[in-house]
C-alpha atoms as a PDB file:
ATOM      1  CA  MET A   1      -0.037  -0.034  -0.040  1.00  0.00           C
ATOM      2  CA  GLY A   2       2.769   2.453   0.842  1.00  0.00           C
ATOM      3  CA  GLY A   3       4.439   1.768  -2.460  1.00  0.00           C
ATOM      4  CA  ALA A   4       1.233   2.469  -4.402  1.00  0.00           C
ATOM      5  CA  GLN A   5       0.631   5.635  -2.490  1.00  0.00           C
ATOM      6  CA  ASN A   6       4.238   6.840  -3.000  1.00  0.00           C
ATOM      7  CA  ASN A   7       3.966   6.069  -6.782  1.00  0.00           C
ATOM      8  CA  LEU A   8       0.631   7.893  -6.996  1.00  0.00           C
ATOM      9  CA  SER A   9       2.238  10.906  -5.174  1.00  0.00           C
ATOM     10  CA  ALA A  10       5.075  10.944  -7.639  1.00  0.00           C
ATOM     11  CA  VAL A  11       2.729  10.896 -10.706  1.00  0.00           C
ATOM     12  CA  LEU A  12       0.416  13.596  -9.265  1.00  0.00           C
ATOM     13  CA  GLY A  13       3.362  15.776  -8.227  1.00  0.00           C
ATOM     14  CA  LYS A  14       4.707  15.657 -11.810  1.00  0.00           C
ATOM     15  CA  LEU A  15       1.278  16.294 -13.305  1.00  0.00           C
ATOM     16  CA  GLY A  16       0.768  19.130 -10.889  1.00  0.00           C
ATOM     17  CA  GLU A  17       4.178  20.532 -11.918  1.00  0.00           C
ATOM     18  CA  ARG A  18       3.101  20.491 -15.530  1.00  0.00           C
ATOM     19  CA  GLU A  19      -0.420  21.609 -15.136  1.00  0.00           C
ATOM     20  CA  GLY A  20       0.121  24.779 -13.316  1.00  0.00           C
ATOM     21  CA  GLY A  21      -2.705  24.517 -10.695  1.00  0.00           C
ATOM     22  CA  THR A  22      -2.733  23.311  -7.192  1.00  0.00           C
ATOM     23  CA  ALA A  23      -5.229  20.573  -7.024  1.00  0.00           C
ATOM     24  CA  ARG A  24      -2.910  17.720  -8.192  1.00  0.00           C
ATOM     25  CA  LEU A  25      -0.205  18.858  -5.915  1.00  0.00           C
ATOM     26  CA  GLU A  26      -2.670  18.859  -2.987  1.00  0.00           C
ATOM     27  CA  GLU A  27      -3.543  15.282  -4.036  1.00  0.00           C
ATOM     28  CA  ALA A  28       0.135  14.397  -4.219  1.00  0.00           C
ATOM     29  CA  ILE A  29       0.703  15.712  -0.688  1.00  0.00           C
ATOM     30  CA  ALA A  30      -2.334  13.593   0.642  1.00  0.00           C
ATOM     31  CA  ALA A  31      -1.077  10.431  -1.284  1.00  0.00           C
ATOM     32  CA  ASN A  32       2.369  11.086   0.362  1.00  0.00           C
ATOM     33  CA  ARG A  33       1.115  11.350   3.898  1.00  0.00           C
ATOM     34  CA  ALA A  34      -0.774   8.066   3.367  1.00  0.00           C
ATOM     35  CA  ALA A  35       2.415   6.410   2.122  1.00  0.00           C
ATOM     36  CA  LEU A  36       4.257   7.668   5.116  1.00  0.00           C
ATOM     37  CA  GLU A  37       1.587   6.081   7.368  1.00  0.00           C
ATOM     38  CA  GLU A  38       2.549   2.589   5.785  1.00  0.00           C
ATOM     39  CA  TRP A  39       6.247   3.281   5.328  1.00  0.00           C
ATOM     40  CA  THR A  40       7.555   3.992   8.669  1.00  0.00           C
ATOM     41  CA  ARG A  41      11.070   5.010   9.268  1.00  0.00           C
ATOM     42  CA  ASN A  42      11.577   2.166  11.648  1.00  0.00           C
ATOM     43  CA  ARG A  43      10.283  -0.548   9.307  1.00  0.00           C
ATOM     44  CA  VAL A  44      11.536   0.789   5.930  1.00  0.00           C
ATOM     45  CA  PRO A  45      13.850   3.719   6.375  1.00  0.00           C
ATOM     46  CA  LEU A  46      14.901   4.177   2.773  1.00  0.00           C
ATOM     47  CA  GLN A  47      11.365   4.077   1.494  1.00  0.00           C
ATOM     48  CA  TRP A  48      10.333   6.382   4.109  1.00  0.00           C
ATOM     49  CA  ALA A  49      13.137   8.671   2.937  1.00  0.00           C
ATOM     50  CA  MET A  50      11.950   8.549  -0.628  1.00  0.00           C
ATOM     51  CA  ALA A  51       8.470   9.315   0.451  1.00  0.00           C
ATOM     52  CA  GLN A  52       9.735  12.296   2.410  1.00  0.00           C
ATOM     53  CA  ASP A  53      11.702  13.444  -0.664  1.00  0.00           C
ATOM     54  CA  ASN A  54       8.557  13.188  -2.792  1.00  0.00           C
ATOM     55  CA  LEU A  55       6.600  15.125  -0.181  1.00  0.00           C
ATOM     56  CA  GLY A  56       9.265  17.691  -0.212  1.00  0.00           C
ATOM     57  CA  PHE A  57       8.813  18.070  -4.048  1.00  0.00           C
ATOM     58  CA  ALA A  58       5.048  18.435  -4.002  1.00  0.00           C
ATOM     59  CA  LEU A  59       5.278  21.100  -1.104  1.00  0.00           C
ATOM     60  CA  ARG A  60       8.204  22.954  -2.826  1.00  0.00           C
ATOM     61  CA  THR A  61       6.219  23.102  -6.135  1.00  0.00           C
ATOM     62  CA  LEU A  62       3.005  24.139  -4.294  1.00  0.00           C
ATOM     63  CA  GLY A  63       5.007  26.776  -2.225  1.00  0.00           C
ATOM     64  CA  GLU A  64       6.356  28.266  -5.462  1.00  0.00           C
ATOM     65  CA  ARG A  65       2.696  29.016  -6.462  1.00  0.00           C
ATOM     66  CA  GLU A  66       1.488  30.206  -3.158  1.00  0.00           C
ATOM     67  CA  GLU A  67       2.265  33.430  -1.221  1.00  0.00           C
ATOM     68  CA  GLY A  68       3.978  33.156   1.993  1.00  0.00           C
ATOM     69  CA  THR A  69       6.672  30.612   3.172  1.00  0.00           C
ATOM     70  CA  ALA A  70       4.742  27.890   4.989  1.00  0.00           C
ATOM     71  CA  ARG A  71       4.730  25.397   2.207  1.00  0.00           C
ATOM     72  CA  LEU A  72       8.475  26.105   1.442  1.00  0.00           C
ATOM     73  CA  GLU A  73       9.373  25.626   5.074  1.00  0.00           C
ATOM     74  CA  GLU A  74       7.483  22.350   5.063  1.00  0.00           C
ATOM     75  CA  ALA A  75       9.452  21.243   2.070  1.00  0.00           C
ATOM     76  CA  VAL A  76      12.739  22.075   3.723  1.00  0.00           C
ATOM     77  CA  ALA A  77      11.633  20.083   6.771  1.00  0.00           C
ATOM     78  CA  ALA A  78      10.641  17.043   4.478  1.00  0.00           C
ATOM     79  CA  TYR A  79      13.873  17.062   2.703  1.00  0.00           C
ATOM     80  CA  HIS A  80      15.724  17.342   6.018  1.00  0.00           C
ATOM     81  CA  SER A  81      13.829  14.197   7.183  1.00  0.00           C
ATOM     82  CA  ALA A  82      14.775  12.389   3.960  1.00  0.00           C
ATOM     83  CA  LEU A  83      18.366  13.373   4.497  1.00  0.00           C
ATOM     84  CA  GLU A  84      18.442  11.611   7.938  1.00  0.00           C
ATOM     85  CA  GLU A  85      18.258   8.240   6.153  1.00  0.00           C
ATOM     86  CA  ARG A  86      19.692   9.225   2.791  1.00  0.00           C
ATOM     87  CA  THR A  87      23.176   9.814   3.963  1.00  0.00           C
ATOM     88  CA  ARG A  88      26.048  10.543   1.701  1.00  0.00           C
ATOM     89  CA  ASP A  89      27.831   7.371   2.918  1.00  0.00           C
ATOM     90  CA  ARG A  90      24.763   5.055   2.499  1.00  0.00           C
ATOM     91  CA  VAL A  91      23.146   6.230  -0.731  1.00  0.00           C
ATOM     92  CA  PRO A  92      25.420   9.013  -2.228  1.00  0.00           C
ATOM     93  CA  LEU A  93      23.179   9.723  -5.327  1.00  0.00           C
ATOM     94  CA  ASP A  94      19.919   9.801  -3.394  1.00  0.00           C
ATOM     95  CA  TRP A  95      21.648  12.050  -0.836  1.00  0.00           C
ATOM     96  CA  ALA A  96      22.705  14.417  -3.506  1.00  0.00           C
ATOM     97  CA  ALA A  97      19.316  14.679  -5.024  1.00  0.00           C
ATOM     98  CA  SER A  98      17.607  15.274  -1.601  1.00  0.00           C
ATOM     99  CA  ALA A  99      20.376  17.810  -0.650  1.00  0.00           C
ATOM    100  CA  GLY A 100      20.032  19.555  -4.013  1.00  0.00           C
ATOM    101  CA  ASN A 101      16.357  19.589  -3.761  1.00  0.00           C
ATOM    102  CA  GLN A 102      16.389  20.923  -0.280  1.00  0.00           C
ATOM    103  CA  GLY A 103      18.786  23.601  -1.576  1.00  0.00           C
ATOM    104  CA  ILE A 104      16.217  24.605  -4.238  1.00  0.00           C
ATOM    105  CA  ALA A 105      13.570  24.991  -1.503  1.00  0.00           C
ATOM    106  CA  LEU A 106      15.951  27.014   0.686  1.00  0.00           C
ATOM    107  CA  MET A 107      16.681  29.166  -2.368  1.00  0.00           C
ATOM    108  CA  LEU A 108      13.063  29.880  -2.945  1.00  0.00           C
ATOM    109  CA  LEU A 109      12.552  30.610   0.860  1.00  0.00           C
ATOM    110  CA  ALA A 110      15.701  32.723   0.992  1.00  0.00           C
ATOM    111  CA  GLU A 111      14.345  34.854  -2.021  1.00  0.00           C
ATOM    112  CA  ARG A 112      10.919  35.364  -0.323  1.00  0.00           C
ATOM    113  CA  LEU A 113      12.691  36.329   3.045  1.00  0.00           C
ATOM    114  CA  SER A 114      15.591  38.272   1.547  1.00  0.00           C
ATOM    115  CA  ASP A 115      17.718  35.965   3.598  1.00  0.00           C
ATOM    116  CA  ALA A 116      21.389  35.931   2.441  1.00  0.00           C
ATOM    117  CA  THR A 117      22.372  33.038   4.972  1.00  0.00           C
ATOM    118  CA  ARG A 118      19.820  30.721   3.538  1.00  0.00           C
ATOM    119  CA  ALA A 119      20.794  31.669  -0.078  1.00  0.00           C
ATOM    120  CA  GLN A 120      24.349  30.808   0.837  1.00  0.00           C
ATOM    121  CA  THR A 121      23.363  27.426   2.211  1.00  0.00           C
ATOM    122  CA  ALA A 122      21.244  26.787  -0.727  1.00  0.00           C
ATOM    123  CA  THR A 123      24.106  27.607  -3.062  1.00  0.00           C
ATOM    124  CA  GLN A 124      26.395  25.304  -1.279  1.00  0.00           C
ATOM    125  CA  GLN A 125      23.929  22.362  -1.290  1.00  0.00           C
ATOM    126  CA  ILE A 126      23.040  22.703  -4.999  1.00  0.00           C
ATOM    127  CA  GLU A 127      26.571  22.976  -5.960  1.00  0.00           C
ATOM    128  CA  VAL A 128      27.540  19.712  -4.151  1.00  0.00           C
ATOM    129  CA  ALA A 129      24.534  17.930  -5.771  1.00  0.00           C
ATOM    130  CA  SER A 130      25.425  19.202  -9.155  1.00  0.00           C
ATOM    131  CA  GLU A 131      29.141  17.993  -8.781  1.00  0.00           C
ATOM    132  CA  ILE A 132      28.007  14.601  -7.504  1.00  0.00           C
ATOM    133  CA  MET A 133      25.715  14.068 -10.313  1.00  0.00           C
ATOM    134  CA  ARG A 134      28.202  15.361 -12.852  1.00  0.00           C
ATOM    135  CA  ASN A 135      31.022  13.054 -11.462  1.00  0.00           C
ATOM    136  CA  ASP A 136      28.482  10.129 -11.536  1.00  0.00           C
ATOM    137  CA  GLY A 137      27.684  10.615 -15.105  1.00  0.00           C
ATOM    138  CA  ASN A 138      24.072  11.560 -14.461  1.00  0.00           C
ATOM    139  CA  ALA A 139      23.995  14.318 -17.056  1.00  0.00           C
ATOM    140  CA  SER A 140      20.280  15.126 -16.741  1.00  0.00           C
ATOM    141  CA  ASP A 141      20.363  15.607 -12.945  1.00  0.00           C
ATOM    142  CA  ALA A 142      23.643  17.509 -13.094  1.00  0.00           C
ATOM    143  CA  ALA A 143      22.022  19.946 -15.789  1.00  0.00           C
ATOM    144  CA  PHE A 144      19.063  20.341 -13.523  1.00  0.00           C
ATOM    145  CA  PHE A 145      21.096  21.276 -10.562  1.00  0.00           C
ATOM    146  CA  GLU A 146      23.575  23.478 -12.616  1.00  0.00           C
ATOM    147  CA  ALA A 147      20.590  25.445 -13.784  1.00  0.00           C
ATOM    148  CA  ALA A 148      19.337  25.842 -10.268  1.00  0.00           C
ATOM    149  CA  LEU A 149      22.895  26.649  -9.079  1.00  0.00           C
ATOM    150  CA  SER A 150      23.161  29.636 -11.614  1.00  0.00           C
ATOM    151  CA  LYS A 151      19.850  30.962 -10.027  1.00  0.00           C
ATOM    152  CA  ALA A 152      21.132  30.556  -6.517  1.00  0.00           C
ATOM    153  CA  ARG A 153      24.311  32.333  -7.149  1.00  0.00           C
ATOM    154  CA  ILE A 154      22.495  35.246  -8.702  1.00  0.00           C
ATOM    155  CA  LEU A 155      20.207  35.472  -5.736  1.00  0.00           C
ATOM    156  CA  PHE A 156      23.171  35.236  -3.245  1.00  0.00           C
ATOM    157  CA  ASN A 157      25.029  37.957  -5.055  1.00  0.00           C
ATOM    158  CA  ARG A 158      21.876  40.153  -5.203  1.00  0.00           C
ATOM    159  CA  LEU A 159      21.200  39.675  -1.390  1.00  0.00           C
ATOM    160  CA  THR A 160      24.824  40.288  -0.503  1.00  0.00           C
ATOM    161  CA  SER A 161      25.645  43.220  -2.726  1.00  0.00           C
ATOM    162  CA  HIS A 162      23.755  45.803  -0.677  1.00  0.00           C
END
């Protein structure tokens, strides 16, 4: 059941990203929360971490479309949870993906709050994710994070140039 809910969440999250509305993203979040009821950290820690990462994606995407910072803060927290099990030593590519995704959520949060410290942290996380993906030969993920890194650097420079 947890796997089905997690897969449903991933599909709804991607549809929600493409459609531009919020309904599919809300459905993705609900499916993720259902997956997390089945996939507990104690029982299946890496699956739990994957569900946390998917939850972070849906929250981040929704947070980009909403005003305020609540969803972005929730996304950062979900990625943080994922990183508790997706460690660099244990699953380096998954760690890089979650760290980079958290960096993107932090970048969006930093922009909303005009927070240079968060922007710096975001830049560092995205840079490491990009490097790990590039070194592993994962060109599509490396390109994704490199594009985000460019935005993060511009934001950081803008916030620190005053």
